[in-house]
Amino acid sequence: MKKKKKFVICDYPNPLNYTFPNFDLGSTEKRFWQIAKTVSEFDDFEVIITGPLWLPEYLPGVKHFKERLDITNYKLFLQEFGRVDYLFAGSEYFDKNSYRKAFSL
């Protein structure tokens, strides 16, 4: 059996704390949720969502790391899920030094 590729998609701190998915008007949050949903439908991917704003009940079969992934908890993430193949995150992550360090390790 072929090993699944691990795809991680992160929520991000947003000023209004919209959830993923966001049930209001069109938004980046809806796009993030749609990417997680679409990738999870491919047999050769394992999808892991990270962060407290996800509503995982709308993404059956997807794994959830409840914390926002950063330098303080990346080791816990690695212990639970191992290394990943793909990471999808908003620019907010890469504007902060602690996030950049976590993703470059």
PDB file of N, CA and C in Angstrom:
ATOM      1  N   MET A   1       0.840  -1.191   0.000  1.00  0.00           N
ATOM      2  CA  MET A   1       0.000   0.000   0.000  1.00  0.00           C
ATOM      3  C   MET A   1       0.885   1.255   0.000  1.00  0.00           C
ATOM      4  N   LYS A   2       0.517   2.202  -0.812  1.00  0.00           N
ATOM      5  CA  LYS A   2       1.265   3.446  -0.936  1.00  0.00           C
ATOM      6  C   LYS A   2       1.062   4.319   0.307  1.00  0.00           C
ATOM      7  N   LYS A   3       2.150   4.902   0.798  1.00  0.00           N
ATOM      8  CA  LYS A   3       2.077   5.776   1.971  1.00  0.00           C
ATOM      9  C   LYS A   3       1.369   7.092   1.609  1.00  0.00           C
ATOM     10  N   LYS A   4       0.460   7.516   2.469  1.00  0.00           N
ATOM     11  CA  LYS A   4      -0.258   8.759   2.227  1.00  0.00           C
ATOM     12  C   LYS A   4       0.647   9.964   2.487  1.00  0.00           C
ATOM     13  N   LYS A   5       0.461  11.011   1.694  1.00  0.00           N
ATOM     14  CA  LYS A   5       1.160  12.271   1.921  1.00  0.00           C
ATOM     15  C   LYS A   5       0.412  13.026   3.009  1.00  0.00           C
ATOM     16  N   LYS A   6       1.161  13.665   3.898  1.00  0.00           N
ATOM     17  CA  LYS A   6       0.544  14.430   4.983  1.00  0.00           C
ATOM     18  C   LYS A   6       0.441  15.898   4.568  1.00  0.00           C
ATOM     19  N   PHE A   7      -0.770  16.402   4.647  1.00  0.00           N
ATOM     20  CA  PHE A   7      -1.081  17.775   4.281  1.00  0.00           C
ATOM     21  C   PHE A   7      -1.628  18.481   5.506  1.00  0.00           C
ATOM     22  N   VAL A   8      -0.951  19.532   5.944  1.00  0.00           N
ATOM     23  CA  VAL A   8      -1.374  20.290   7.121  1.00  0.00           C
ATOM     24  C   VAL A   8      -1.915  21.629   6.663  1.00  0.00           C
ATOM     25  N   ILE A   9      -3.066  21.988   7.206  1.00  0.00           N
ATOM     26  CA  ILE A   9      -3.622  23.312   6.936  1.00  0.00           C
ATOM     27  C   ILE A   9      -3.947  23.969   8.268  1.00  0.00           C
ATOM     28  N   CYS A  10      -3.444  25.176   8.434  1.00  0.00           N
ATOM     29  CA  CYS A  10      -3.533  25.888   9.710  1.00  0.00           C
ATOM     30  C   CYS A  10      -4.637  26.937   9.682  1.00  0.00           C
ATOM     31  N   ASP A  11      -5.322  27.086  10.813  1.00  0.00           N
ATOM     32  CA  ASP A  11      -6.143  28.281  10.946  1.00  0.00           C
ATOM     33  C   ASP A  11      -5.169  29.414  11.246  1.00  0.00           C
ATOM     34  N   TYR A  12      -5.641  30.574  11.484  1.00  0.00           N
ATOM     35  CA  TYR A  12      -4.741  31.677  11.804  1.00  0.00           C
ATOM     36  C   TYR A  12      -5.471  32.654  12.702  1.00  0.00           C
ATOM     37  N   PRO A  13      -4.710  33.411  13.460  1.00  0.00           N
ATOM     38  CA  PRO A  13      -5.368  34.385  14.325  1.00  0.00           C
ATOM     39  C   PRO A  13      -6.061  35.431  13.462  1.00  0.00           C
ATOM     40  N   ASN A  14      -7.330  35.611  13.661  1.00  0.00           N
ATOM     41  CA  ASN A  14      -8.024  36.668  12.933  1.00  0.00           C
ATOM     42  C   ASN A  14      -8.785  37.518  13.938  1.00  0.00           C
ATOM     43  N   PRO A  15      -8.946  38.792  13.624  1.00  0.00           N
ATOM     44  CA  PRO A  15      -9.485  39.717  14.632  1.00  0.00           C
ATOM     45  C   PRO A  15     -10.896  39.405  15.087  1.00  0.00           C
ATOM     46  N   LEU A  16     -11.691  38.761  14.260  1.00  0.00           N
ATOM     47  CA  LEU A  16     -13.080  38.494  14.633  1.00  0.00           C
ATOM     48  C   LEU A  16     -13.304  37.054  15.055  1.00  0.00           C
ATOM     49  N   ASN A  17     -12.247  36.225  15.057  1.00  0.00           N
ATOM     50  CA  ASN A  17     -12.324  34.820  15.448  1.00  0.00           C
ATOM     51  C   ASN A  17     -13.377  34.032  14.673  1.00  0.00           C
ATOM     52  N   TYR A  18     -13.443  34.274  13.364  1.00  0.00           N
ATOM     53  CA  TYR A  18     -14.313  33.448  12.522  1.00  0.00           C
ATOM     54  C   TYR A  18     -13.858  32.009  12.614  1.00  0.00           C
ATOM     55  N   THR A  19     -14.796  31.110  12.550  1.00  0.00           N
ATOM     56  CA  THR A  19     -14.474  29.684  12.556  1.00  0.00           C
ATOM     57  C   THR A  19     -14.174  29.209  11.138  1.00  0.00           C
ATOM     58  N   PHE A  20     -13.639  28.020  11.048  1.00  0.00           N
ATOM     59  CA  PHE A  20     -13.352  27.378   9.773  1.00  0.00           C
ATOM     60  C   PHE A  20     -14.229  26.139   9.683  1.00  0.00           C
ATOM     61  N   PRO A  21     -15.322  26.054   8.943  1.00  0.00           N
ATOM     62  CA  PRO A  21     -15.764  27.056   7.978  1.00  0.00           C
ATOM     63  C   PRO A  21     -16.484  28.219   8.654  1.00  0.00           C
ATOM     64  N   ASN A  22     -16.532  29.304   7.930  1.00  0.00           N
ATOM     65  CA  ASN A  22     -17.244  30.492   8.359  1.00  0.00           C
ATOM     66  C   ASN A  22     -18.585  30.468   7.640  1.00  0.00           C
ATOM     67  N   PHE A  23     -19.677  30.562   8.370  1.00  0.00           N
ATOM     68  CA  PHE A  23     -21.001  30.460   7.771  1.00  0.00           C
ATOM     69  C   PHE A  23     -21.565  31.807   7.335  1.00  0.00           C
ATOM     70  N   ASP A  24     -20.759  32.860   7.469  1.00  0.00           N
ATOM     71  CA  ASP A  24     -21.202  34.193   7.049  1.00  0.00           C
ATOM     72  C   ASP A  24     -20.830  34.418   5.581  1.00  0.00           C
ATOM     73  N   LEU A  25     -20.585  35.640   5.223  1.00  0.00           N
ATOM     74  CA  LEU A  25     -20.234  35.993   3.843  1.00  0.00           C
ATOM     75  C   LEU A  25     -18.919  35.352   3.424  1.00  0.00           C
ATOM     76  N   GLY A  26     -18.602  35.412   2.130  1.00  0.00           N
ATOM     77  CA  GLY A  26     -17.362  34.841   1.608  1.00  0.00           C
ATOM     78  C   GLY A  26     -16.140  35.328   2.378  1.00  0.00           C
ATOM     79  N   SER A  27     -15.168  34.461   2.539  1.00  0.00           N
ATOM     80  CA  SER A  27     -14.033  34.829   3.370  1.00  0.00           C
ATOM     81  C   SER A  27     -12.853  33.904   3.117  1.00  0.00           C
ATOM     82  N   THR A  28     -11.712  34.310   3.585  1.00  0.00           N
ATOM     83  CA  THR A  28     -10.525  33.472   3.524  1.00  0.00           C
ATOM     84  C   THR A  28     -10.753  32.195   4.321  1.00  0.00           C
ATOM     85  N   GLU A  29     -11.446  32.300   5.444  1.00  0.00           N
ATOM     86  CA  GLU A  29     -11.719  31.137   6.266  1.00  0.00           C
ATOM     87  C   GLU A  29     -12.464  30.063   5.477  1.00  0.00           C
ATOM     88  N   LYS A  30     -13.430  30.464   4.663  1.00  0.00           N
ATOM     89  CA  LYS A  30     -14.157  29.499   3.835  1.00  0.00           C
ATOM     90  C   LYS A  30     -13.209  28.841   2.829  1.00  0.00           C
ATOM     91  N   ARG A  31     -12.283  29.626   2.275  1.00  0.00           N
ATOM     92  CA  ARG A  31     -11.338  29.056   1.316  1.00  0.00           C
ATOM     93  C   ARG A  31     -10.427  28.034   1.992  1.00  0.00           C
ATOM     94  N   PHE A  32      -9.950  28.335   3.189  1.00  0.00           N
ATOM     95  CA  PHE A  32      -9.101  27.383   3.921  1.00  0.00           C
ATOM     96  C   PHE A  32      -9.868  26.097   4.177  1.00  0.00           C
ATOM     97  N   TRP A  33     -11.129  26.229   4.617  1.00  0.00           N
ATOM     98  CA  TRP A  33     -11.944  25.056   4.885  1.00  0.00           C
ATOM     99  C   TRP A  33     -12.152  24.258   3.602  1.00  0.00           C
ATOM    100  N   GLN A  34     -12.424  24.938   2.503  1.00  0.00           N
ATOM    101  CA  GLN A  34     -12.659  24.243   1.238  1.00  0.00           C
ATOM    102  C   GLN A  34     -11.413  23.489   0.778  1.00  0.00           C
ATOM    103  N   ILE A  35     -10.241  24.061   0.979  1.00  0.00           N
ATOM    104  CA  ILE A  35      -8.997  23.366   0.621  1.00  0.00           C
ATOM    105  C   ILE A  35      -8.841  22.117   1.476  1.00  0.00           C
ATOM    106  N   ALA A  36      -9.070  22.239   2.790  1.00  0.00           N
ATOM    107  CA  ALA A  36      -8.963  21.073   3.681  1.00  0.00           C
ATOM    108  C   ALA A  36      -9.959  19.991   3.255  1.00  0.00           C
ATOM    109  N   LYS A  37     -11.182  20.373   2.955  1.00  0.00           N
ATOM    110  CA  LYS A  37     -12.209  19.417   2.546  1.00  0.00           C
ATOM    111  C   LYS A  37     -11.840  18.741   1.227  1.00  0.00           C
ATOM    112  N   THR A  38     -11.417  19.509   0.260  1.00  0.00           N
ATOM    113  CA  THR A  38     -11.093  18.960  -1.060  1.00  0.00           C
ATOM    114  C   THR A  38      -9.920  17.996  -0.987  1.00  0.00           C
ATOM    115  N   VAL A  39      -8.857  18.391  -0.314  1.00  0.00           N
ATOM    116  CA  VAL A  39      -7.678  17.520  -0.217  1.00  0.00           C
ATOM    117  C   VAL A  39      -8.020  16.248   0.550  1.00  0.00           C
ATOM    118  N   SER A  40      -8.879  16.352   1.560  1.00  0.00           N
ATOM    119  CA  SER A  40      -9.244  15.168   2.347  1.00  0.00           C
ATOM    120  C   SER A  40      -9.998  14.131   1.516  1.00  0.00           C
ATOM    121  N   GLU A  41     -10.541  14.524   0.400  1.00  0.00           N
ATOM    122  CA  GLU A  41     -11.296  13.605  -0.452  1.00  0.00           C
ATOM    123  C   GLU A  41     -10.401  12.773  -1.373  1.00  0.00           C
ATOM    124  N   PHE A  42      -9.116  13.120  -1.451  1.00  0.00           N
ATOM    125  CA  PHE A  42      -8.164  12.334  -2.239  1.00  0.00           C
ATOM    126  C   PHE A  42      -7.640  11.182  -1.397  1.00  0.00           C
ATOM    127  N   ASP A  43      -7.614   9.997  -1.949  1.00  0.00           N
ATOM    128  CA  ASP A  43      -7.179   8.811  -1.215  1.00  0.00           C
ATOM    129  C   ASP A  43      -5.720   8.848  -0.792  1.00  0.00           C
ATOM    130  N   ASP A  44      -4.881   9.576  -1.515  1.00  0.00           N
ATOM    131  CA  ASP A  44      -3.450   9.535  -1.211  1.00  0.00           C
ATOM    132  C   ASP A  44      -2.992  10.646  -0.271  1.00  0.00           C
ATOM    133  N   PHE A  45      -3.946  11.325   0.407  1.00  0.00           N
ATOM    134  CA  PHE A  45      -3.591  12.372   1.364  1.00  0.00           C
ATOM    135  C   PHE A  45      -4.195  12.115   2.732  1.00  0.00           C
ATOM    136  N   GLU A  46      -3.423  12.417   3.750  1.00  0.00           N
ATOM    137  CA  GLU A  46      -3.894  12.471   5.134  1.00  0.00           C
ATOM    138  C   GLU A  46      -3.891  13.947   5.499  1.00  0.00           C
ATOM    139  N   VAL A  47      -5.028  14.479   5.890  1.00  0.00           N
ATOM    140  CA  VAL A  47      -5.142  15.903   6.184  1.00  0.00           C
ATOM    141  C   VAL A  47      -5.169  16.110   7.691  1.00  0.00           C
ATOM    142  N   ILE A  48      -4.376  17.084   8.133  1.00  0.00           N
ATOM    143  CA  ILE A  48      -4.319  17.459   9.542  1.00  0.00           C
ATOM    144  C   ILE A  48      -4.619  18.956   9.609  1.00  0.00           C
ATOM    145  N   ILE A  49      -5.637  19.328  10.365  1.00  0.00           N
ATOM    146  CA  ILE A  49      -5.957  20.736  10.562  1.00  0.00           C
ATOM    147  C   ILE A  49      -5.394  21.151  11.923  1.00  0.00           C
ATOM    148  N   THR A  50      -4.875  22.370  11.998  1.00  0.00           N
ATOM    149  CA  THR A  50      -4.308  22.839  13.259  1.00  0.00           C
ATOM    150  C   THR A  50      -4.937  24.165  13.652  1.00  0.00           C
ATOM    151  N   GLY A  51      -5.165  24.316  14.945  1.00  0.00           N
ATOM    152  CA  GLY A  51      -5.677  25.566  15.472  1.00  0.00           C
ATOM    153  C   GLY A  51      -7.046  25.427  16.106  1.00  0.00           C
ATOM    154  N   PRO A  52      -7.356  26.350  17.020  1.00  0.00           N
ATOM    155  CA  PRO A  52      -8.589  26.262  17.791  1.00  0.00           C
ATOM    156  C   PRO A  52      -9.843  26.715  17.055  1.00  0.00           C
ATOM    157  N   LEU A  53      -9.718  27.335  15.888  1.00  0.00           N
ATOM    158  CA  LEU A  53     -10.903  27.885  15.228  1.00  0.00           C
ATOM    159  C   LEU A  53     -11.580  26.924  14.255  1.00  0.00           C
ATOM    160  N   TRP A  54     -11.000  25.745  14.067  1.00  0.00           N
ATOM    161  CA  TRP A  54     -11.616  24.756  13.172  1.00  0.00           C
ATOM    162  C   TRP A  54     -12.856  24.137  13.815  1.00  0.00           C
ATOM    163  N   LEU A  55     -13.808  23.788  12.985  1.00  0.00           N
ATOM    164  CA  LEU A  55     -14.973  23.005  13.404  1.00  0.00           C
ATOM    165  C   LEU A  55     -14.807  21.627  12.766  1.00  0.00           C
ATOM    166  N   PRO A  56     -14.060  20.729  13.419  1.00  0.00           N
ATOM    167  CA  PRO A  56     -13.690  19.461  12.786  1.00  0.00           C
ATOM    168  C   PRO A  56     -14.872  18.554  12.443  1.00  0.00           C
ATOM    169  N   GLU A  57     -16.006  18.767  13.068  1.00  0.00           N
ATOM    170  CA  GLU A  57     -17.159  17.920  12.756  1.00  0.00           C
ATOM    171  C   GLU A  57     -17.612  18.089  11.301  1.00  0.00           C
ATOM    172  N   TYR A  58     -17.172  19.157  10.639  1.00  0.00           N
ATOM    173  CA  TYR A  58     -17.516  19.369   9.235  1.00  0.00           C
ATOM    174  C   TYR A  58     -16.473  18.780   8.287  1.00  0.00           C
ATOM    175  N   LEU A  59     -15.462  18.132   8.836  1.00  0.00           N
ATOM    176  CA  LEU A  59     -14.410  17.507   8.034  1.00  0.00           C
ATOM    177  C   LEU A  59     -14.182  16.081   8.515  1.00  0.00           C
ATOM    178  N   PRO A  60     -15.119  15.177   8.241  1.00  0.00           N
ATOM    179  CA  PRO A  60     -14.946  13.804   8.721  1.00  0.00           C
ATOM    180  C   PRO A  60     -13.693  13.159   8.140  1.00  0.00           C
ATOM    181  N   GLY A  61     -13.005  12.407   8.981  1.00  0.00           N
ATOM    182  CA  GLY A  61     -11.798  11.711   8.533  1.00  0.00           C
ATOM    183  C   GLY A  61     -10.535  12.538   8.598  1.00  0.00           C
ATOM    184  N   VAL A  62     -10.658  13.808   8.948  1.00  0.00           N
ATOM    185  CA  VAL A  62      -9.500  14.694   9.056  1.00  0.00           C
ATOM    186  C   VAL A  62      -9.029  14.704  10.507  1.00  0.00           C
ATOM    187  N   LYS A  63      -7.718  14.703  10.704  1.00  0.00           N
ATOM    188  CA  LYS A  63      -7.169  14.762  12.065  1.00  0.00           C
ATOM    189  C   LYS A  63      -7.055  16.216  12.506  1.00  0.00           C
ATOM    190  N   HIS A  64      -7.137  16.443  13.827  1.00  0.00           N
ATOM    191  CA  HIS A  64      -7.150  17.817  14.339  1.00  0.00           C
ATOM    192  C   HIS A  64      -6.132  17.984  15.458  1.00  0.00           C
ATOM    193  N   PHE A  65      -5.229  18.920  15.282  1.00  0.00           N
ATOM    194  CA  PHE A  65      -4.314  19.365  16.327  1.00  0.00           C
ATOM    195  C   PHE A  65      -4.914  20.666  16.839  1.00  0.00           C
ATOM    196  N   LYS A  66      -5.405  20.663  18.065  1.00  0.00           N
ATOM    197  CA  LYS A  66      -6.245  21.755  18.561  1.00  0.00           C
ATOM    198  C   LYS A  66      -5.515  23.070  18.827  1.00  0.00           C
ATOM    199  N   GLU A  67      -4.206  23.018  18.865  1.00  0.00           N
ATOM    200  CA  GLU A  67      -3.448  24.244  19.126  1.00  0.00           C
ATOM    201  C   GLU A  67      -2.978  24.865  17.815  1.00  0.00           C
ATOM    202  N   ARG A  68      -2.735  26.171  17.846  1.00  0.00           N
ATOM    203  CA  ARG A  68      -2.145  26.841  16.690  1.00  0.00           C
ATOM    204  C   ARG A  68      -0.674  26.446  16.650  1.00  0.00           C
ATOM    205  N   LEU A  69      -0.241  25.906  15.561  1.00  0.00           N
ATOM    206  CA  LEU A  69       1.115  25.384  15.427  1.00  0.00           C
ATOM    207  C   LEU A  69       2.143  26.519  15.466  1.00  0.00           C
ATOM    208  N   ASP A  70       3.090  26.421  16.405  1.00  0.00           N
ATOM    209  CA  ASP A  70       4.168  27.409  16.478  1.00  0.00           C
ATOM    210  C   ASP A  70       5.372  26.807  17.187  1.00  0.00           C
ATOM    211  N   ILE A  71       6.343  27.625  17.497  1.00  0.00           N
ATOM    212  CA  ILE A  71       7.616  27.161  18.059  1.00  0.00           C
ATOM    213  C   ILE A  71       7.426  26.526  19.440  1.00  0.00           C
ATOM    214  N   THR A  72       6.356  26.886  20.153  1.00  0.00           N
ATOM    215  CA  THR A  72       6.162  26.349  21.503  1.00  0.00           C
ATOM    216  C   THR A  72       5.587  24.939  21.511  1.00  0.00           C
ATOM    217  N   ASN A  73       4.972  24.501  20.402  1.00  0.00           N
ATOM    218  CA  ASN A  73       4.324  23.198  20.433  1.00  0.00           C
ATOM    219  C   ASN A  73       4.648  22.305  19.230  1.00  0.00           C
ATOM    220  N   TYR A  74       5.596  22.701  18.391  1.00  0.00           N
ATOM    221  CA  TYR A  74       5.877  21.898  17.201  1.00  0.00           C
ATOM    222  C   TYR A  74       6.390  20.505  17.554  1.00  0.00           C
ATOM    223  N   LYS A  75       7.113  20.368  18.681  1.00  0.00           N
ATOM    224  CA  LYS A  75       7.608  19.040  19.069  1.00  0.00           C
ATOM    225  C   LYS A  75       6.438  18.113  19.419  1.00  0.00           C
ATOM    226  N   LEU A  76       5.442  18.636  20.110  1.00  0.00           N
ATOM    227  CA  LEU A  76       4.240  17.863  20.418  1.00  0.00           C
ATOM    228  C   LEU A  76       3.539  17.446  19.124  1.00  0.00           C
ATOM    229  N   PHE A  77       3.449  18.375  18.178  1.00  0.00           N
ATOM    230  CA  PHE A  77       2.851  18.054  16.886  1.00  0.00           C
ATOM    231  C   PHE A  77       3.620  16.929  16.198  1.00  0.00           C
ATOM    232  N   LEU A  78       4.944  17.021  16.172  1.00  0.00           N
ATOM    233  CA  LEU A  78       5.767  15.998  15.527  1.00  0.00           C
ATOM    234  C   LEU A  78       5.614  14.642  16.208  1.00  0.00           C
ATOM    235  N   GLN A  79       5.506  14.634  17.528  1.00  0.00           N
ATOM    236  CA  GLN A  79       5.305  13.375  18.252  1.00  0.00           C
ATOM    237  C   GLN A  79       3.972  12.733  17.868  1.00  0.00           C
ATOM    238  N   GLU A  80       2.968  13.551  17.703  1.00  0.00           N
ATOM    239  CA  GLU A  80       1.635  13.025  17.410  1.00  0.00           C
ATOM    240  C   GLU A  80       1.451  12.638  15.939  1.00  0.00           C
ATOM    241  N   PHE A  81       2.016  13.434  15.022  1.00  0.00           N
ATOM    242  CA  PHE A  81       1.737  13.227  13.600  1.00  0.00           C
ATOM    243  C   PHE A  81       2.970  12.928  12.748  1.00  0.00           C
ATOM    244  N   GLY A  82       4.153  13.202  13.255  1.00  0.00           N
ATOM    245  CA  GLY A  82       5.364  13.014  12.452  1.00  0.00           C
ATOM    246  C   GLY A  82       5.553  14.156  11.465  1.00  0.00           C
ATOM    247  N   ARG A  83       6.567  14.006  10.633  1.00  0.00           N
ATOM    248  CA  ARG A  83       6.859  15.041   9.643  1.00  0.00           C
ATOM    249  C   ARG A  83       5.772  15.068   8.579  1.00  0.00           C
ATOM    250  N   VAL A  84       5.617  16.235   7.974  1.00  0.00           N
ATOM    251  CA  VAL A  84       4.567  16.410   6.972  1.00  0.00           C
ATOM    252  C   VAL A  84       5.181  16.701   5.602  1.00  0.00           C
ATOM    253  N   ASP A  85       4.369  16.504   4.584  1.00  0.00           N
ATOM    254  CA  ASP A  85       4.819  16.753   3.217  1.00  0.00           C
ATOM    255  C   ASP A  85       4.428  18.141   2.721  1.00  0.00           C
ATOM    256  N   TYR A  86       3.251  18.614   3.134  1.00  0.00           N
ATOM    257  CA  TYR A  86       2.749  19.900   2.650  1.00  0.00           C
ATOM    258  C   TYR A  86       2.164  20.694   3.809  1.00  0.00           C
ATOM    259  N   LEU A  87       2.389  21.995   3.766  1.00  0.00           N
ATOM    260  CA  LEU A  87       1.854  22.892   4.782  1.00  0.00           C
ATOM    261  C   LEU A  87       1.162  24.038   4.073  1.00  0.00           C
ATOM    262  N   PHE A  88      -0.076  24.296   4.458  1.00  0.00           N
ATOM    263  CA  PHE A  88      -0.825  25.422   3.912  1.00  0.00           C
ATOM    264  C   PHE A  88      -1.190  26.325   5.077  1.00  0.00           C
ATOM    265  N   ALA A  89      -0.715  27.555   5.029  1.00  0.00           N
ATOM    266  CA  ALA A  89      -0.976  28.502   6.110  1.00  0.00           C
ATOM    267  C   ALA A  89      -1.044  29.901   5.523  1.00  0.00           C
ATOM    268  N   GLY A  90      -1.745  30.768   6.207  1.00  0.00           N
ATOM    269  CA  GLY A  90      -1.849  32.154   5.763  1.00  0.00           C
ATOM    270  C   GLY A  90      -0.565  32.926   6.025  1.00  0.00           C
ATOM    271  N   SER A  91      -0.462  34.075   5.405  1.00  0.00           N
ATOM    272  CA  SER A  91       0.742  34.898   5.545  1.00  0.00           C
ATOM    273  C   SER A  91       0.978  35.333   6.984  1.00  0.00           C
ATOM    274  N   GLU A  92      -0.073  35.302   7.803  1.00  0.00           N
ATOM    275  CA  GLU A  92       0.071  35.692   9.206  1.00  0.00           C
ATOM    276  C   GLU A  92       1.110  34.837   9.917  1.00  0.00           C
ATOM    277  N   TYR A  93       1.219  33.577   9.524  1.00  0.00           N
ATOM    278  CA  TYR A  93       2.193  32.702  10.153  1.00  0.00           C
ATOM    279  C   TYR A  93       3.610  33.142   9.853  1.00  0.00           C
ATOM    280  N   PHE A  94       3.850  33.496   8.638  1.00  0.00           N
ATOM    281  CA  PHE A  94       5.221  33.743   8.210  1.00  0.00           C
ATOM    282  C   PHE A  94       5.676  35.162   8.510  1.00  0.00           C
ATOM    283  N   ASP A  95       4.773  35.999   9.025  1.00  0.00           N
ATOM    284  CA  ASP A  95       5.141  37.332   9.474  1.00  0.00           C
ATOM    285  C   ASP A  95       5.725  37.301  10.881  1.00  0.00           C
ATOM    286  N   LYS A  96       5.543  36.195  11.596  1.00  0.00           N
ATOM    287  CA  LYS A  96       6.000  36.106  12.988  1.00  0.00           C
ATOM    288  C   LYS A  96       7.181  35.152  13.074  1.00  0.00           C
ATOM    289  N   ASN A  97       8.225  35.604  13.711  1.00  0.00           N
ATOM    290  CA  ASN A  97       9.457  34.830  13.817  1.00  0.00           C
ATOM    291  C   ASN A  97       9.211  33.454  14.441  1.00  0.00           C
ATOM    292  N   SER A  98       8.379  33.364  15.490  1.00  0.00           N
ATOM    293  CA  SER A  98       8.159  32.075  16.157  1.00  0.00           C
ATOM    294  C   SER A  98       7.479  31.075  15.229  1.00  0.00           C
ATOM    295  N   TYR A  99       6.611  31.537  14.355  1.00  0.00           N
ATOM    296  CA  TYR A  99       5.961  30.642  13.396  1.00  0.00           C
ATOM    297  C   TYR A  99       6.956  30.205  12.332  1.00  0.00           C
ATOM    298  N   ARG A 100       7.732  31.142  11.813  1.00  0.00           N
ATOM    299  CA  ARG A 100       8.718  30.802  10.764  1.00  0.00           C
ATOM    300  C   ARG A 100       9.667  29.741  11.264  1.00  0.00           C
ATOM    301  N   LYS A 101      10.138  29.858  12.500  1.00  0.00           N
ATOM    302  CA  LYS A 101      11.078  28.878  13.060  1.00  0.00           C
ATOM    303  C   LYS A 101      10.435  27.485  13.113  1.00  0.00           C
ATOM    304  N   ALA A 102       9.179  27.427  13.545  1.00  0.00           N
ATOM    305  CA  ALA A 102       8.496  26.125  13.645  1.00  0.00           C
ATOM    306  C   ALA A 102       8.384  25.459  12.283  1.00  0.00           C
ATOM    307  N   PHE A 103       8.115  26.224  11.247  1.00  0.00           N
ATOM    308  CA  PHE A 103       7.911  25.643   9.932  1.00  0.00           C
ATOM    309  C   PHE A 103       9.196  25.328   9.206  1.00  0.00           C
ATOM    310  N   SER A 104      10.303  25.904   9.635  1.00  0.00           N
ATOM    311  CA  SER A 104      11.564  25.660   8.923  1.00  0.00           C
ATOM    312  C   SER A 104      12.384  24.539   9.553  1.00  0.00           C
ATOM    313  N   LEU A 105      11.932  23.971  10.672  1.00  0.00           N
ATOM    314  CA  LEU A 105      12.675  22.909  11.341  1.00  0.00           C
ATOM    315  C   LEU A 105      12.501  21.583  10.661  1.00  0.00           C
TER     316      LEU A 105
END
